[in-house]
Amino acid sequence: MNIRLQLFELEDQRWFPHVIRQGMLDFLRFMISKLGAYEATLPLLQELLTKTKQTHITDLCSGAGGGIETIQKGLSQRMGQTIHVTLSDLYPNISTYQYLQTQSGGTIDFIPEPIDATAVPETITGVRTIFSSFHHFPPTIAQRILQDAADKRAAIGIFEGAQKSWVEMILLWLAFPIVIVLVTPFIRPFKLSRLFFTYIIPLIPIGIIWDGTVSLLRIYTPTHLQQMLQTIKAPNYTWQTGRVGNKPGKHVIYLIGYPN
């Protein structure tokens, strides 16, 4: 699937109910964590941290922090030291971030104030990451995110958990409605609103299927990313992009950049 369509996702709309958006993001976080969707990115992140001599990740556009627990644990184990992660977002999901902070014993923390990925404050340090969110941005804004990292000499890793294939699209339409119904009671932190808007008024499942479909169509392929990089002014800065992962549900498209 080489096409990219800039359609709209419900969770991006300001008018979209916050409770539905958070229910959708909580499901995404649960599935990414349980499937280990970003397992294949660990060697890339380890190399990026090692090259930049960092032990701290600042995650941008964190949403509900999908998969960050397993990533933090996996990186810490691989590197033999504790890797700290700070979550941030333009619309911070405070309750979920507090839950992740408690669950991780403080190795995951968060910034409660809104953080714009196109203009990250100089005071915020660490290797920048964006998981499952870069596709939300049209090319002009995506370029600004990359340019901001390059201008501030910050390393950045962008990861999309998908192969971008029609098979994934068909599985989303046929299998996900069943999966959503089965796993929702096990998502934590527990919320009655999540049950209500899944089983009584199914706005969360409808939103997940719609946004999942649009997400696959919006994801940038490595070719798209290479074309975007040609617009970035980044002297003495190295970029890498490609695909990793060869297991079902564990394919990842990535873009990594770091100062020389």
Protein backbone atom coordinates (compact mmCIF):
# COMPACT_ATOMS: atom_id res chain seq x y z
CA MET A 1 0.00 0.00 0.00
CA ASN A 2 2.05 2.93 -1.27
CA ILE A 3 -0.71 5.53 -1.29
CA ARG A 4 -1.06 8.13 1.45
CA LEU A 5 -4.36 9.95 1.97
CA GLN A 6 -4.66 12.85 4.43
CA LEU A 7 -8.14 11.94 5.68
CA PHE A 8 -9.43 12.99 9.11
CA GLU A 9 -9.27 10.98 12.31
CA LEU A 10 -11.96 11.51 14.91
CA GLU A 11 -9.52 11.76 17.81
CA ASP A 12 -7.82 14.72 16.12
CA GLN A 13 -10.99 16.82 16.12
CA ARG A 14 -11.39 19.40 18.88
CA TRP A 15 -15.14 18.74 19.06
CA PHE A 16 -14.65 14.98 19.59
CA PRO A 17 -15.71 13.95 23.13
CA HIS A 18 -12.71 13.56 25.42
CA VAL A 19 -14.11 10.44 27.10
CA ILE A 20 -14.42 8.62 23.75
CA ARG A 21 -10.95 9.73 22.64
CA GLN A 22 -9.40 8.44 25.87
CA GLY A 23 -11.28 5.15 25.58
CA MET A 24 -9.86 4.66 22.09
CA LEU A 25 -6.33 5.57 23.21
CA ASP A 26 -6.54 3.25 26.21
CA PHE A 27 -7.45 0.36 23.89
CA LEU A 28 -4.52 1.20 21.62
CA ARG A 29 -2.13 1.29 24.58
CA PHE A 30 -3.43 -2.06 25.85
CA MET A 31 -3.08 -3.79 22.47
CA ILE A 32 0.36 -2.38 21.71
CA SER A 33 1.62 -3.47 25.13
CA LYS A 34 0.11 -6.96 25.04
CA LEU A 35 1.28 -7.67 21.49
CA GLY A 36 4.75 -6.22 22.04
CA ALA A 37 4.19 -4.31 18.82
CA TYR A 38 7.40 -2.30 19.12
CA GLU A 39 9.72 -5.13 20.15
CA ALA A 40 11.67 -4.80 16.88
CA THR A 41 12.53 -1.18 17.68
CA LEU A 42 14.58 -2.01 20.79
CA PRO A 43 17.91 -2.52 18.94
CA LEU A 44 17.36 0.75 17.06
CA LEU A 45 16.60 2.64 20.26
CA GLN A 46 19.53 1.05 22.06
CA GLU A 47 21.87 2.14 19.27
CA LEU A 48 20.39 5.65 19.28
CA LEU A 49 20.79 6.03 23.05
CA THR A 50 24.32 4.65 22.91
CA LYS A 51 25.41 6.95 20.06
CA THR A 52 24.02 10.01 21.82
CA LYS A 53 25.19 8.89 25.30
CA GLN A 54 21.68 9.26 26.71
CA THR A 55 19.70 7.31 29.30
CA HIS A 56 16.55 9.42 29.05
CA ILE A 57 13.76 9.41 26.48
CA THR A 58 11.25 12.23 26.08
CA ASP A 59 8.22 10.79 24.34
CA LEU A 60 6.25 13.31 22.28
CA CYS A 61 2.60 12.93 21.22
CA SER A 62 2.29 10.18 23.84
CA GLY A 63 -1.49 9.80 23.65
CA ALA A 64 -2.18 7.10 26.24
CA GLY A 65 1.44 5.95 26.36
CA GLY A 66 0.89 2.92 24.13
CA GLY A 67 3.60 0.30 24.61
CA ILE A 68 5.91 2.58 26.58
CA GLU A 69 5.99 0.24 29.60
CA THR A 70 7.37 -2.70 27.62
CA ILE A 71 9.76 -0.42 25.70
CA GLN A 72 11.16 1.07 28.92
CA LYS A 73 11.61 -2.35 30.53
CA GLY A 74 13.08 -3.90 27.39
CA LEU A 75 15.58 -1.09 26.87
CA SER A 76 16.64 -1.13 30.52
CA GLN A 77 17.27 -4.88 30.36
CA ARG A 78 19.22 -4.66 27.11
CA MET A 79 21.39 -1.77 28.30
CA GLY A 80 21.93 -2.98 31.85
CA GLN A 81 20.79 0.29 33.39
CA THR A 82 17.55 2.12 34.05
CA ILE A 83 16.25 4.08 31.08
CA HIS A 84 13.89 6.85 32.16
CA VAL A 85 10.97 7.93 30.00
CA THR A 86 9.06 11.21 30.19
CA LEU A 87 5.65 11.30 28.52
CA SER A 88 4.27 14.46 26.93
CA ASP A 89 1.44 15.52 24.66
CA LEU A 90 -0.35 18.58 23.37
CA TYR A 91 -3.38 17.15 25.20
CA PRO A 92 -1.86 15.28 28.18
CA ASN A 93 -3.76 12.19 29.38
CA ILE A 94 -2.96 12.88 33.02
CA SER A 95 -4.88 10.01 34.65
CA THR A 96 -3.24 7.40 32.42
CA TYR A 97 0.21 8.99 32.83
CA GLN A 98 -0.19 8.87 36.61
CA TYR A 99 -1.15 5.19 36.34
CA LEU A 100 1.94 4.43 34.23
CA GLN A 101 4.15 6.38 36.63
CA THR A 102 2.87 4.32 39.55
CA GLN A 103 3.12 1.02 37.69
CA SER A 104 6.71 1.74 36.64
CA GLY A 105 7.88 2.82 40.09
CA GLY A 106 8.69 6.27 38.77
CA THR A 107 10.89 5.22 35.85
CA ILE A 108 8.14 6.65 33.65
CA ASP A 109 7.07 10.19 34.47
CA PHE A 110 5.26 12.92 32.55
CA ILE A 111 4.98 16.62 31.80
CA PRO A 112 1.50 17.84 32.82
CA GLU A 113 1.63 20.95 30.63
CA PRO A 114 0.84 20.79 26.88
CA ILE A 115 3.95 20.19 24.75
CA ASP A 116 3.97 21.08 21.04
CA ALA A 117 6.15 18.63 19.08
CA THR A 118 6.93 21.35 16.52
CA ALA A 119 8.40 23.65 19.18
CA VAL A 120 9.78 21.61 22.06
CA PRO A 121 11.16 23.88 24.82
CA GLU A 122 14.95 23.98 25.12
CA THR A 123 14.63 22.86 28.74
CA ILE A 124 13.24 19.46 27.67
CA THR A 125 16.11 17.09 27.01
CA GLY A 126 16.63 13.43 26.15
CA VAL A 127 16.19 11.43 22.98
CA ARG A 128 12.84 12.33 21.43
CA THR A 129 10.47 9.57 20.35
CA ILE A 130 7.08 9.47 18.64
CA PHE A 131 5.19 6.17 18.61
CA SER A 132 2.05 5.58 16.51
CA SER A 133 1.41 9.32 16.11
CA PHE A 134 3.52 10.77 13.30
CA HIS A 135 0.90 9.88 10.71
CA HIS A 136 -1.52 12.32 12.35
CA PHE A 137 0.45 15.24 10.97
CA PRO A 138 0.23 16.53 7.39
CA PRO A 139 3.60 16.91 5.65
CA THR A 140 4.06 20.58 6.52
CA ILE A 141 3.68 19.96 10.27
CA ALA A 142 5.61 16.67 10.15
CA GLN A 143 8.50 18.57 8.54
CA ARG A 144 8.37 21.16 11.35
CA ILE A 145 8.69 18.37 13.94
CA LEU A 146 11.81 17.05 12.23
CA GLN A 147 13.24 20.52 11.68
CA ASP A 148 12.74 21.41 15.36
CA ALA A 149 14.72 18.32 16.41
CA ALA A 150 17.50 19.11 13.93
CA ASP A 151 17.65 22.81 14.89
CA LYS A 152 18.00 21.92 18.58
CA ARG A 153 20.51 19.12 17.92
CA ALA A 154 18.17 16.60 19.51
CA ALA A 155 18.10 12.94 18.51
CA ILE A 156 14.69 11.69 17.42
CA GLY A 157 13.13 8.30 16.70
CA ILE A 158 9.77 8.01 14.94
CA PHE A 159 8.02 4.64 14.86
CA GLU A 160 4.75 3.47 13.30
CA GLY A 161 3.59 0.01 14.30
CA ALA A 162 2.36 -1.23 10.93
CA GLN A 163 3.50 -2.70 7.64
CA LYS A 164 0.91 -0.54 5.84
CA SER A 165 -0.72 -3.36 3.93
CA TRP A 166 -4.19 -4.30 2.72
CA VAL A 167 -4.01 -7.45 4.86
CA GLU A 168 -3.79 -5.25 7.96
CA MET A 169 -6.80 -3.29 6.72
CA ILE A 170 -8.91 -6.44 6.28
CA LEU A 171 -7.91 -7.72 9.74
CA LEU A 172 -8.86 -4.37 11.22
CA TRP A 173 -12.35 -4.57 9.73
CA LEU A 174 -13.01 -8.26 10.46
CA ALA A 175 -11.13 -9.07 13.65
CA PHE A 176 -10.92 -5.87 15.66
CA PRO A 177 -14.67 -5.58 16.43
CA ILE A 178 -14.45 -8.97 18.15
CA VAL A 179 -11.16 -8.17 19.88
CA ILE A 180 -12.51 -4.88 21.27
CA VAL A 181 -15.52 -6.64 22.81
CA LEU A 182 -13.34 -9.34 24.37
CA VAL A 183 -10.49 -7.27 25.86
CA THR A 184 -12.22 -4.08 27.05
CA PRO A 185 -12.98 -5.39 30.60
CA PHE A 186 -9.27 -6.07 31.13
CA ILE A 187 -7.98 -2.58 30.22
CA ARG A 188 -6.54 -0.63 33.14
CA PRO A 189 -7.07 1.78 34.77
CA PHE A 190 -10.68 0.60 34.97
CA LYS A 191 -13.30 3.11 33.81
CA LEU A 192 -17.08 2.66 33.79
CA SER A 193 -17.29 5.14 30.92
CA ARG A 194 -15.19 2.78 28.78
CA LEU A 195 -17.67 -0.08 29.35
CA PHE A 196 -20.67 2.17 28.67
CA PHE A 197 -19.31 3.53 25.40
CA THR A 198 -18.22 0.07 24.26
CA TYR A 199 -21.20 -2.15 25.12
CA ILE A 200 -24.20 0.19 25.56
CA ILE A 201 -23.46 2.95 23.06
CA PRO A 202 -20.56 1.56 20.97
CA LEU A 203 -18.89 4.85 20.10
CA ILE A 204 -15.43 3.63 21.15
CA PRO A 205 -15.44 0.58 18.78
CA ILE A 206 -16.77 2.71 15.92
CA GLY A 207 -14.08 5.32 16.57
CA ILE A 208 -11.33 2.68 16.74
CA ILE A 209 -12.30 1.10 13.41
CA TRP A 210 -12.67 4.45 11.65
CA ASP A 211 -9.45 5.94 13.00
CA GLY A 212 -7.58 2.67 12.46
CA THR A 213 -8.61 2.65 8.80
CA VAL A 214 -7.62 6.28 8.33
CA SER A 215 -4.34 5.74 10.20
CA LEU A 216 -3.24 3.02 7.80
CA LEU A 217 -4.00 5.28 4.86
CA ARG A 218 -2.12 8.20 6.47
CA ILE A 219 1.07 6.40 7.54
CA TYR A 220 4.20 7.60 5.77
CA THR A 221 6.17 4.84 4.02
CA PRO A 222 9.99 4.93 4.10
CA THR A 223 9.83 6.40 0.57
CA HIS A 224 7.55 9.19 1.77
CA LEU A 225 9.89 9.85 4.69
CA GLN A 226 12.94 10.01 2.43
CA GLN A 227 11.18 12.58 0.27
CA MET A 228 10.28 14.60 3.37
CA LEU A 229 13.87 14.59 4.59
CA GLN A 230 14.95 16.40 1.44
CA THR A 231 13.13 19.49 2.76
CA ILE A 232 14.89 19.45 6.16
CA LYS A 233 17.91 21.68 6.69
CA ALA A 234 20.09 19.61 9.01
CA PRO A 235 23.87 20.03 8.58
CA ASN A 236 25.98 17.46 10.43
CA TYR A 237 22.90 15.38 11.15
CA THR A 238 22.30 11.75 10.16
CA TRP A 239 18.94 10.29 9.10
CA GLN A 240 17.95 6.65 8.71
CA THR A 241 14.60 5.23 7.64
CA GLY A 242 13.25 1.78 6.81
CA ARG A 243 11.23 -1.16 8.08
CA VAL A 244 11.97 -3.68 10.85
CA GLY A 245 10.13 -6.69 12.25
CA ASN A 246 9.10 -9.89 10.53
CA LYS A 247 6.42 -11.26 12.85
CA PRO A 248 2.65 -10.71 12.50
CA GLY A 249 1.61 -7.60 14.40
CA LYS A 250 5.23 -6.54 14.94
CA HIS A 251 6.08 -4.70 11.73
CA VAL A 252 7.43 -1.19 12.25
CA ILE A 253 8.21 1.70 9.90
CA TYR A 254 10.86 3.95 11.40
CA LEU A 255 12.74 7.21 10.96
CA ILE A 256 15.76 8.00 13.15
CA GLY A 257 17.81 11.17 13.25
CA TYR A 258 20.73 12.28 15.39
CA PRO A 259 23.45 14.95 15.38
CA ASN A 260 26.91 13.82 14.32
